[in-house]
Amino acid sequence: MRLRQGWTIIALACAAIVYGVSVSRLRDVRPDNSPELLVALPRFVQVALAGGDRYLAANLSGFRVLVASTMRMRPEDYAVQARLQTDIAWFNAAHEDNYYVAAAILPWNGQLEAGQEVLRRAGDKRVFDWQPLFYRGFGYYHFLKEPAAGAQLLVEGAARATDQQDIWALQNLAARWIERGYDGRTAAGMVSAMAASSPKGAFRNYLAARAERIRVLEDLRDAVSAYEARFGVRPRSLEELVGAGFLSGPPKDPFGAEFVLGPGGVPALKPAK
């Protein structure tokens, strides 16, 4: 019995020594500079290696993408990842992990077009899911500087959402992007239509107020243009517009802010106190 205990103690001591030496040596190990993702095989080869199952081929390529370390990736690695993820979307457009990863990584690393394509396919296939539309809309707004296209996708996403909080959030963001992507009259009409289609309540009133604010700003711009056309100069204050008959009185903001004319007679909003 004592002999067995002695051998156990010796084995544990040896294991501890091996562990300590291994840890000390691993501290000096540096990761190599080999590419994280080497190549994307042709699609028919990927399907053949998966036994003819395109869904399995999508999962196998998905594993490659998921285990790749972005800490080590180079621009050429991201190009391979973009190819892999568009292949996955082609094999199985409804692949959820694929569009999440595409939205989170590809646009930020020079592969916007591939990321948008993955999201387009996911949005077309996952008709119950508003998130691919949201991420694709963000791509239009943030990267392509096309807020109108982004807003349209948010409106479509809101129609798919089932949680009221999600619907309101998407519509609210869409209203803001609409203001940036369309002329004032068109934007006011679109936001007003969103309000009319919303259930009665605070959020519907909020959208209606945003539409009214856009209209008032557009009316002010028209008044400034008319004043300049008559007098050859731009007005310096709202009082000049009222005095010349271009406004019946100082305009009121539905949110309680104050309309003013900024430098060059440009209509603007002064936040409420």
C-alpha atoms as a PDB file:
ATOM      1  CA  MET A   1       0.000   0.000   0.000  1.00  0.00           C
ATOM      2  CA  ARG A   2       2.806   2.365   0.955  1.00  0.00           C
ATOM      3  CA  LEU A   3       4.685   1.458  -2.221  1.00  0.00           C
ATOM      4  CA  ARG A   4       1.649   2.341  -4.335  1.00  0.00           C
ATOM      5  CA  GLN A   5       1.292   5.689  -2.572  1.00  0.00           C
ATOM      6  CA  GLY A   6       4.971   6.372  -3.153  1.00  0.00           C
ATOM      7  CA  TRP A   7       4.675   5.752  -6.867  1.00  0.00           C
ATOM      8  CA  THR A   8       1.602   7.998  -7.007  1.00  0.00           C
ATOM      9  CA  ILE A   9       3.512  10.832  -5.340  1.00  0.00           C
ATOM     10  CA  ILE A  10       6.445  10.366  -7.750  1.00  0.00           C
ATOM     11  CA  ALA A  11       4.072  10.405 -10.764  1.00  0.00           C
ATOM     12  CA  LEU A  12       2.398  13.584  -9.584  1.00  0.00           C
ATOM     13  CA  ALA A  13       5.767  15.221  -8.996  1.00  0.00           C
ATOM     14  CA  CYS A  14       6.928  14.288 -12.509  1.00  0.00           C
ATOM     15  CA  ALA A  15       3.705  15.607 -14.006  1.00  0.00           C
ATOM     16  CA  ALA A  16       4.173  18.885 -12.155  1.00  0.00           C
ATOM     17  CA  ILE A  17       7.735  19.184 -13.447  1.00  0.00           C
ATOM     18  CA  VAL A  18       6.666  18.458 -17.046  1.00  0.00           C
ATOM     19  CA  TYR A  19       3.843  21.004 -16.747  1.00  0.00           C
ATOM     20  CA  GLY A  20       6.178  23.677 -15.399  1.00  0.00           C
ATOM     21  CA  VAL A  21       8.766  23.113 -18.146  1.00  0.00           C
ATOM     22  CA  SER A  22       6.054  23.134 -20.837  1.00  0.00           C
ATOM     23  CA  VAL A  23       4.563  26.411 -19.609  1.00  0.00           C
ATOM     24  CA  SER A  24       7.975  28.074 -19.444  1.00  0.00           C
ATOM     25  CA  ARG A  25       8.724  27.054 -23.023  1.00  0.00           C
ATOM     26  CA  LEU A  26       5.328  28.063 -24.361  1.00  0.00           C
ATOM     27  CA  ARG A  27       5.973  31.602 -23.143  1.00  0.00           C
ATOM     28  CA  ASP A  28       8.708  31.901 -25.749  1.00  0.00           C
ATOM     29  CA  VAL A  29       6.567  30.566 -28.591  1.00  0.00           C
ATOM     30  CA  ARG A  30       5.387  33.183 -31.084  1.00  0.00           C
ATOM     31  CA  PRO A  31       2.512  32.597 -33.515  1.00  0.00           C
ATOM     32  CA  ASP A  32       3.675  32.029 -37.052  1.00  0.00           C
ATOM     33  CA  ASN A  33       2.772  34.378 -39.872  1.00  0.00           C
ATOM     34  CA  SER A  34       1.031  31.807 -42.025  1.00  0.00           C
ATOM     35  CA  PRO A  35      -2.269  32.899 -43.592  1.00  0.00           C
ATOM     36  CA  GLU A  36      -5.357  32.208 -41.491  1.00  0.00           C
ATOM     37  CA  LEU A  37      -7.470  31.282 -44.524  1.00  0.00           C
ATOM     38  CA  LEU A  38      -5.524  29.931 -47.489  1.00  0.00           C
ATOM     39  CA  VAL A  39      -8.032  29.243 -50.236  1.00  0.00           C
ATOM     40  CA  ALA A  40     -11.710  28.956 -51.116  1.00  0.00           C
ATOM     41  CA  LEU A  41     -12.357  25.860 -53.215  1.00  0.00           C
ATOM     42  CA  PRO A  42     -14.738  26.004 -56.185  1.00  0.00           C
ATOM     43  CA  ARG A  43     -18.337  25.459 -55.178  1.00  0.00           C
ATOM     44  CA  PHE A  44     -18.740  22.127 -56.976  1.00  0.00           C
ATOM     45  CA  VAL A  45     -15.648  20.824 -55.181  1.00  0.00           C
ATOM     46  CA  GLN A  46     -17.042  21.900 -51.804  1.00  0.00           C
ATOM     47  CA  VAL A  47     -20.316  20.118 -52.523  1.00  0.00           C
ATOM     48  CA  ALA A  48     -18.488  17.005 -53.763  1.00  0.00           C
ATOM     49  CA  LEU A  49     -16.366  16.877 -50.586  1.00  0.00           C
ATOM     50  CA  ALA A  50     -19.606  17.112 -48.595  1.00  0.00           C
ATOM     51  CA  GLY A  51     -21.001  14.040 -50.330  1.00  0.00           C
ATOM     52  CA  GLY A  52     -23.254  16.070 -52.605  1.00  0.00           C
ATOM     53  CA  ASP A  53     -25.044  17.769 -49.687  1.00  0.00           C
ATOM     54  CA  ARG A  54     -24.982  21.548 -50.215  1.00  0.00           C
ATOM     55  CA  TYR A  55     -26.262  22.211 -46.691  1.00  0.00           C
ATOM     56  CA  LEU A  56     -23.384  20.200 -45.254  1.00  0.00           C
ATOM     57  CA  ALA A  57     -21.019  22.079 -47.575  1.00  0.00           C
ATOM     58  CA  ALA A  58     -22.377  25.339 -46.143  1.00  0.00           C
ATOM     59  CA  ASN A  59     -21.777  24.117 -42.593  1.00  0.00           C
ATOM     60  CA  LEU A  60     -18.243  22.924 -43.332  1.00  0.00           C
ATOM     61  CA  SER A  61     -17.286  26.285 -44.835  1.00  0.00           C
ATOM     62  CA  GLY A  62     -19.046  27.960 -41.939  1.00  0.00           C
ATOM     63  CA  PHE A  63     -16.812  26.108 -39.487  1.00  0.00           C
ATOM     64  CA  ARG A  64     -13.737  27.413 -41.309  1.00  0.00           C
ATOM     65  CA  VAL A  65     -14.993  30.973 -41.000  1.00  0.00           C
ATOM     66  CA  LEU A  66     -15.986  30.631 -37.349  1.00  0.00           C
ATOM     67  CA  VAL A  67     -12.670  29.191 -36.162  1.00  0.00           C
ATOM     68  CA  ALA A  68     -10.499  31.658 -38.085  1.00  0.00           C
ATOM     69  CA  SER A  69      -8.846  34.169 -35.767  1.00  0.00           C
ATOM     70  CA  THR A  70      -9.371  37.733 -36.965  1.00  0.00           C
ATOM     71  CA  MET A  71      -6.422  38.770 -34.788  1.00  0.00           C
ATOM     72  CA  ARG A  72      -4.109  37.103 -37.309  1.00  0.00           C
ATOM     73  CA  MET A  73      -5.950  37.851 -40.535  1.00  0.00           C
ATOM     74  CA  ARG A  74      -4.538  39.916 -43.356  1.00  0.00           C
ATOM     75  CA  PRO A  75      -6.421  41.675 -46.187  1.00  0.00           C
ATOM     76  CA  GLU A  76      -6.015  38.635 -48.439  1.00  0.00           C
ATOM     77  CA  ASP A  77      -7.472  36.445 -45.693  1.00  0.00           C
ATOM     78  CA  TYR A  78     -10.578  38.637 -45.568  1.00  0.00           C
ATOM     79  CA  ALA A  79     -10.912  38.262 -49.340  1.00  0.00           C
ATOM     80  CA  VAL A  80     -10.923  34.476 -48.911  1.00  0.00           C
ATOM     81  CA  GLN A  81     -13.427  34.783 -46.067  1.00  0.00           C
ATOM     82  CA  ALA A  82     -15.681  36.916 -48.263  1.00  0.00           C
ATOM     83  CA  ARG A  83     -15.556  34.235 -50.954  1.00  0.00           C
ATOM     84  CA  LEU A  84     -16.332  31.512 -48.423  1.00  0.00           C
ATOM     85  CA  GLN A  85     -19.271  33.413 -46.962  1.00  0.00           C
ATOM     86  CA  THR A  86     -20.805  34.189 -50.345  1.00  0.00           C
ATOM     87  CA  ASP A  87     -20.425  30.474 -51.150  1.00  0.00           C
ATOM     88  CA  ILE A  88     -22.245  29.599 -47.915  1.00  0.00           C
ATOM     89  CA  ALA A  89     -25.036  32.011 -48.852  1.00  0.00           C
ATOM     90  CA  TRP A  90     -25.259  30.316 -52.243  1.00  0.00           C
ATOM     91  CA  PHE A  91     -25.436  26.830 -50.676  1.00  0.00           C
ATOM     92  CA  ASN A  92     -27.864  27.849 -47.921  1.00  0.00           C
ATOM     93  CA  ALA A  93     -29.107  31.431 -47.984  1.00  0.00           C
ATOM     94  CA  ALA A  94     -30.957  30.938 -44.685  1.00  0.00           C
ATOM     95  CA  HIS A  95     -27.750  30.126 -42.775  1.00  0.00           C
ATOM     96  CA  GLU A  96     -28.089  32.316 -39.666  1.00  0.00           C
ATOM     97  CA  ASP A  97     -24.491  32.276 -38.400  1.00  0.00           C
ATOM     98  CA  ASN A  98     -23.278  33.180 -41.867  1.00  0.00           C
ATOM     99  CA  TYR A  99     -25.129  36.452 -42.122  1.00  0.00           C
ATOM    100  CA  TYR A 100     -24.287  37.413 -38.519  1.00  0.00           C
ATOM    101  CA  VAL A 101     -20.566  36.968 -39.171  1.00  0.00           C
ATOM    102  CA  ALA A 102     -20.783  38.671 -42.558  1.00  0.00           C
ATOM    103  CA  ALA A 103     -22.438  41.746 -41.032  1.00  0.00           C
ATOM    104  CA  ALA A 104     -19.976  41.897 -38.139  1.00  0.00           C
ATOM    105  CA  ILE A 105     -16.707  41.433 -40.048  1.00  0.00           C
ATOM    106  CA  LEU A 106     -16.794  41.820 -43.831  1.00  0.00           C
ATOM    107  CA  PRO A 107     -17.900  45.476 -44.300  1.00  0.00           C
ATOM    108  CA  TRP A 108     -15.333  46.684 -41.784  1.00  0.00           C
ATOM    109  CA  ASN A 109     -12.472  44.951 -43.558  1.00  0.00           C
ATOM    110  CA  GLY A 110     -12.854  46.001 -47.175  1.00  0.00           C
ATOM    111  CA  GLN A 111     -15.439  43.382 -48.194  1.00  0.00           C
ATOM    112  CA  LEU A 112     -18.645  45.416 -48.178  1.00  0.00           C
ATOM    113  CA  GLU A 113     -19.971  44.061 -51.473  1.00  0.00           C
ATOM    114  CA  ALA A 114     -19.680  40.464 -50.313  1.00  0.00           C
ATOM    115  CA  GLY A 115     -21.264  41.306 -46.974  1.00  0.00           C
ATOM    116  CA  GLN A 116     -24.213  43.016 -48.663  1.00  0.00           C
ATOM    117  CA  GLU A 117     -24.687  40.043 -50.989  1.00  0.00           C
ATOM    118  CA  VAL A 118     -24.796  37.611 -48.056  1.00  0.00           C
ATOM    119  CA  LEU A 119     -27.343  39.848 -46.309  1.00  0.00           C
ATOM    120  CA  ARG A 120     -29.429  40.205 -49.471  1.00  0.00           C
ATOM    121  CA  ARG A 121     -29.707  36.459 -49.868  1.00  0.00           C
ATOM    122  CA  ALA A 122     -30.477  36.002 -46.171  1.00  0.00           C
ATOM    123  CA  GLY A 123     -33.162  38.698 -46.282  1.00  0.00           C
ATOM    124  CA  ASP A 124     -34.808  37.137 -49.337  1.00  0.00           C
ATOM    125  CA  LYS A 125     -34.832  33.655 -47.815  1.00  0.00           C
ATOM    126  CA  ARG A 126     -35.538  34.429 -44.153  1.00  0.00           C
ATOM    127  CA  VAL A 127     -38.829  36.248 -44.733  1.00  0.00           C
ATOM    128  CA  PHE A 128     -39.621  36.003 -41.001  1.00  0.00           C
ATOM    129  CA  ASP A 129     -36.401  37.755 -39.931  1.00  0.00           C
ATOM    130  CA  TRP A 130     -35.959  41.553 -39.931  1.00  0.00           C
ATOM    131  CA  GLN A 131     -32.297  41.571 -38.919  1.00  0.00           C
ATOM    132  CA  PRO A 132     -30.713  40.876 -42.344  1.00  0.00           C
ATOM    133  CA  LEU A 133     -32.643  43.886 -43.657  1.00  0.00           C
ATOM    134  CA  PHE A 134     -31.437  46.033 -40.775  1.00  0.00           C
ATOM    135  CA  TYR A 135     -27.762  45.119 -41.257  1.00  0.00           C
ATOM    136  CA  ARG A 136     -27.985  45.572 -45.022  1.00  0.00           C
ATOM    137  CA  GLY A 137     -29.734  48.915 -44.535  1.00  0.00           C
ATOM    138  CA  PHE A 138     -26.941  49.991 -42.199  1.00  0.00           C
ATOM    139  CA  GLY A 139     -24.469  49.111 -44.949  1.00  0.00           C
ATOM    140  CA  TYR A 140     -26.253  51.472 -47.323  1.00  0.00           C
ATOM    141  CA  TYR A 141     -26.441  54.240 -44.736  1.00  0.00           C
ATOM    142  CA  HIS A 142     -22.985  54.045 -43.155  1.00  0.00           C
ATOM    143  CA  PHE A 143     -20.699  52.722 -45.878  1.00  0.00           C
ATOM    144  CA  LEU A 144     -22.420  53.680 -49.145  1.00  0.00           C
ATOM    145  CA  LYS A 145     -23.860  56.977 -47.843  1.00  0.00           C
ATOM    146  CA  GLU A 146     -27.289  56.142 -49.272  1.00  0.00           C
ATOM    147  CA  PRO A 147     -29.726  56.834 -46.417  1.00  0.00           C
ATOM    148  CA  ALA A 148     -32.780  56.569 -48.649  1.00  0.00           C
ATOM    149  CA  ALA A 149     -31.952  52.985 -49.645  1.00  0.00           C
ATOM    150  CA  GLY A 150     -31.164  52.150 -46.025  1.00  0.00           C
ATOM    151  CA  ALA A 151     -34.427  53.642 -44.806  1.00  0.00           C
ATOM    152  CA  GLN A 152     -36.430  51.586 -47.281  1.00  0.00           C
ATOM    153  CA  LEU A 153     -34.908  48.384 -45.916  1.00  0.00           C
ATOM    154  CA  LEU A 154     -35.707  49.452 -42.357  1.00  0.00           C
ATOM    155  CA  VAL A 155     -39.328  50.030 -43.321  1.00  0.00           C
ATOM    156  CA  GLU A 156     -39.445  46.531 -44.821  1.00  0.00           C
ATOM    157  CA  GLY A 157     -37.838  45.156 -41.671  1.00  0.00           C
ATOM    158  CA  ALA A 158     -40.422  46.852 -39.459  1.00  0.00           C
ATOM    159  CA  ALA A 159     -43.155  45.077 -41.430  1.00  0.00           C
ATOM    160  CA  ARG A 160     -41.553  41.734 -40.511  1.00  0.00           C
ATOM    161  CA  ALA A 161     -40.933  42.436 -36.833  1.00  0.00           C
ATOM    162  CA  THR A 162     -43.373  41.011 -34.303  1.00  0.00           C
ATOM    163  CA  ASP A 163     -42.163  42.736 -31.128  1.00  0.00           C
ATOM    164  CA  GLN A 164     -43.651  46.228 -30.823  1.00  0.00           C
ATOM    165  CA  GLN A 165     -40.435  47.662 -29.401  1.00  0.00           C
ATOM    166  CA  ASP A 166     -38.509  46.410 -32.450  1.00  0.00           C
ATOM    167  CA  ILE A 167     -41.123  47.893 -34.780  1.00  0.00           C
ATOM    168  CA  TRP A 168     -40.912  51.287 -33.115  1.00  0.00           C
ATOM    169  CA  ALA A 169     -37.109  51.265 -33.087  1.00  0.00           C
ATOM    170  CA  LEU A 170     -36.921  50.412 -36.784  1.00  0.00           C
ATOM    171  CA  GLN A 171     -39.537  52.993 -37.759  1.00  0.00           C
ATOM    172  CA  ASN A 172     -37.895  55.684 -35.656  1.00  0.00           C
ATOM    173  CA  LEU A 173     -34.500  55.069 -37.264  1.00  0.00           C
ATOM    174  CA  ALA A 174     -36.098  54.869 -40.712  1.00  0.00           C
ATOM    175  CA  ALA A 175     -37.737  58.273 -40.159  1.00  0.00           C
ATOM    176  CA  ARG A 176     -34.361  59.814 -39.326  1.00  0.00           C
ATOM    177  CA  TRP A 177     -32.715  58.290 -42.388  1.00  0.00           C
ATOM    178  CA  ILE A 178     -35.612  59.387 -44.586  1.00  0.00           C
ATOM    179  CA  GLU A 179     -34.982  62.978 -43.506  1.00  0.00           C
ATOM    180  CA  ARG A 180     -31.382  62.651 -44.667  1.00  0.00           C
ATOM    181  CA  GLY A 181     -32.121  60.816 -47.902  1.00  0.00           C
ATOM    182  CA  TYR A 182     -35.062  62.678 -49.460  1.00  0.00           C
ATOM    183  CA  ASP A 183     -36.052  66.250 -50.163  1.00  0.00           C
ATOM    184  CA  GLY A 184     -38.127  67.861 -47.444  1.00  0.00           C
ATOM    185  CA  ARG A 185     -41.575  67.491 -49.028  1.00  0.00           C
ATOM    186  CA  THR A 186     -41.028  63.839 -49.932  1.00  0.00           C
ATOM    187  CA  ALA A 187     -39.574  63.037 -46.505  1.00  0.00           C
ATOM    188  CA  ALA A 188     -42.499  64.699 -44.736  1.00  0.00           C
ATOM    189  CA  GLY A 189     -44.968  62.700 -46.796  1.00  0.00           C
ATOM    190  CA  MET A 190     -43.189  59.407 -46.113  1.00  0.00           C
ATOM    191  CA  VAL A 191     -42.923  59.968 -42.365  1.00  0.00           C
ATOM    192  CA  SER A 192     -46.547  61.090 -42.273  1.00  0.00           C
ATOM    193  CA  ALA A 193     -47.551  57.866 -44.047  1.00  0.00           C
ATOM    194  CA  MET A 194     -45.591  55.868 -41.453  1.00  0.00           C
ATOM    195  CA  ALA A 195     -47.494  57.671 -38.715  1.00  0.00           C
ATOM    196  CA  ALA A 196     -50.836  56.936 -40.346  1.00  0.00           C
ATOM    197  CA  SER A 197     -50.002  53.211 -40.538  1.00  0.00           C
ATOM    198  CA  SER A 198     -48.948  53.028 -36.862  1.00  0.00           C
ATOM    199  CA  PRO A 199     -51.360  52.171 -34.041  1.00  0.00           C
ATOM    200  CA  LYS A 200     -52.879  55.103 -32.193  1.00  0.00           C
ATOM    201  CA  GLY A 201     -50.732  56.230 -29.315  1.00  0.00           C
ATOM    202  CA  ALA A 202     -47.583  58.073 -28.354  1.00  0.00           C
ATOM    203  CA  PHE A 203     -45.375  56.696 -31.117  1.00  0.00           C
ATOM    204  CA  ARG A 204     -47.882  57.582 -33.828  1.00  0.00           C
ATOM    205  CA  ASN A 205     -48.042  61.107 -32.435  1.00  0.00           C
ATOM    206  CA  TYR A 206     -44.247  61.249 -32.376  1.00  0.00           C
ATOM    207  CA  LEU A 207     -43.974  60.329 -36.066  1.00  0.00           C
ATOM    208  CA  ALA A 208     -46.663  62.854 -36.969  1.00  0.00           C
ATOM    209  CA  ALA A 209     -44.727  65.530 -35.071  1.00  0.00           C
ATOM    210  CA  ARG A 210     -41.521  64.656 -36.941  1.00  0.00           C
ATOM    211  CA  ALA A 211     -43.379  64.977 -40.239  1.00  0.00           C
ATOM    212  CA  GLU A 212     -44.732  68.369 -39.165  1.00  0.00           C
ATOM    213  CA  ARG A 213     -41.264  69.575 -38.198  1.00  0.00           C
ATOM    214  CA  ILE A 214     -39.936  68.613 -41.650  1.00  0.00           C
ATOM    215  CA  ARG A 215     -42.805  70.508 -43.314  1.00  0.00           C
ATOM    216  CA  VAL A 216     -42.188  73.642 -41.264  1.00  0.00           C
ATOM    217  CA  LEU A 217     -38.491  73.612 -42.120  1.00  0.00           C
ATOM    218  CA  GLU A 218     -39.335  73.201 -45.789  1.00  0.00           C
ATOM    219  CA  ASP A 219     -41.832  76.091 -45.606  1.00  0.00           C
ATOM    220  CA  LEU A 220     -39.097  78.226 -44.058  1.00  0.00           C
ATOM    221  CA  ARG A 221     -36.685  77.366 -46.862  1.00  0.00           C
ATOM    222  CA  ASP A 222     -39.332  78.344 -49.424  1.00  0.00           C
ATOM    223  CA  ALA A 223     -39.962  81.628 -47.607  1.00  0.00           C
ATOM    224  CA  VAL A 224     -36.254  82.447 -47.532  1.00  0.00           C
ATOM    225  CA  SER A 225     -35.955  81.716 -51.259  1.00  0.00           C
ATOM    226  CA  ALA A 226     -38.984  83.923 -52.041  1.00  0.00           C
ATOM    227  CA  TYR A 227     -37.570  86.769 -49.901  1.00  0.00           C
ATOM    228  CA  GLU A 228     -34.235  86.558 -51.698  1.00  0.00           C
ATOM    229  CA  ALA A 229     -35.938  86.524 -55.103  1.00  0.00           C
ATOM    230  CA  ARG A 230     -37.821  89.751 -54.263  1.00  0.00           C
ATOM    231  CA  PHE A 231     -35.161  91.734 -52.406  1.00  0.00           C
ATOM    232  CA  GLY A 232     -31.929  90.278 -53.776  1.00  0.00           C
ATOM    233  CA  VAL A 233     -30.611  89.438 -50.314  1.00  0.00           C
ATOM    234  CA  ARG A 234     -31.319  86.701 -47.815  1.00  0.00           C
ATOM    235  CA  PRO A 235     -33.211  87.576 -44.613  1.00  0.00           C
ATOM    236  CA  ARG A 236     -31.296  87.829 -41.363  1.00  0.00           C
ATOM    237  CA  SER A 237     -34.131  86.843 -39.030  1.00  0.00           C
ATOM    238  CA  LEU A 238     -37.592  85.332 -38.917  1.00  0.00           C
ATOM    239  CA  GLU A 239     -38.966  88.759 -38.026  1.00  0.00           C
ATOM    240  CA  GLU A 240     -37.916  90.039 -41.462  1.00  0.00           C
ATOM    241  CA  LEU A 241     -39.821  87.190 -43.121  1.00  0.00           C
ATOM    242  CA  VAL A 242     -42.906  87.935 -41.044  1.00  0.00           C
ATOM    243  CA  GLY A 243     -42.642  91.689 -41.667  1.00  0.00           C
ATOM    244  CA  ALA A 244     -42.371  91.163 -45.439  1.00  0.00           C
ATOM    245  CA  GLY A 245     -45.440  88.916 -45.427  1.00  0.00           C
ATOM    246  CA  PHE A 246     -43.716  85.659 -46.266  1.00  0.00           C
ATOM    247  CA  LEU A 247     -44.758  84.159 -42.932  1.00  0.00           C
ATOM    248  CA  SER A 248     -47.986  84.737 -41.018  1.00  0.00           C
ATOM    249  CA  GLY A 249     -46.095  84.474 -37.729  1.00  0.00           C
ATOM    250  CA  PRO A 250     -43.126  82.798 -36.073  1.00  0.00           C
ATOM    251  CA  PRO A 251     -43.252  79.077 -36.845  1.00  0.00           C
ATOM    252  CA  LYS A 252     -43.677  76.648 -33.958  1.00  0.00           C
ATOM    253  CA  ASP A 253     -41.837  73.378 -33.534  1.00  0.00           C
ATOM    254  CA  PRO A 254     -44.027  70.473 -32.351  1.00  0.00           C
ATOM    255  CA  PHE A 255     -41.185  69.300 -30.072  1.00  0.00           C
ATOM    256  CA  GLY A 256     -40.754  72.655 -28.387  1.00  0.00           C
ATOM    257  CA  ALA A 257     -37.505  73.729 -30.047  1.00  0.00           C
ATOM    258  CA  GLU A 258     -37.095  77.156 -31.636  1.00  0.00           C
ATOM    259  CA  PHE A 259     -36.784  77.855 -35.355  1.00  0.00           C
ATOM    260  CA  VAL A 260     -34.115  80.391 -36.253  1.00  0.00           C
ATOM    261  CA  LEU A 261     -32.224  81.631 -39.284  1.00  0.00           C
ATOM    262  CA  GLY A 262     -28.582  80.718 -39.059  1.00  0.00           C
ATOM    263  CA  PRO A 263     -25.636  82.239 -40.957  1.00  0.00           C
ATOM    264  CA  GLY A 264     -26.587  83.032 -44.533  1.00  0.00           C
ATOM    265  CA  GLY A 265     -30.289  82.900 -43.730  1.00  0.00           C
ATOM    266  CA  VAL A 266     -30.367  79.115 -43.494  1.00  0.00           C
ATOM    267  CA  PRO A 267     -33.315  77.775 -41.448  1.00  0.00           C
ATOM    268  CA  ALA A 268     -32.232  75.817 -38.408  1.00  0.00           C
ATOM    269  CA  LEU A 269     -33.446  74.532 -35.052  1.00  0.00           C
ATOM    270  CA  LYS A 270     -32.335  75.866 -31.707  1.00  0.00           C
ATOM    271  CA  PRO A 271     -32.802  73.149 -29.067  1.00  0.00           C
ATOM    272  CA  ALA A 272     -35.382  73.784 -26.384  1.00  0.00           C
ATOM    273  CA  LYS A 273     -34.044  74.939 -23.023  1.00  0.00           C
END
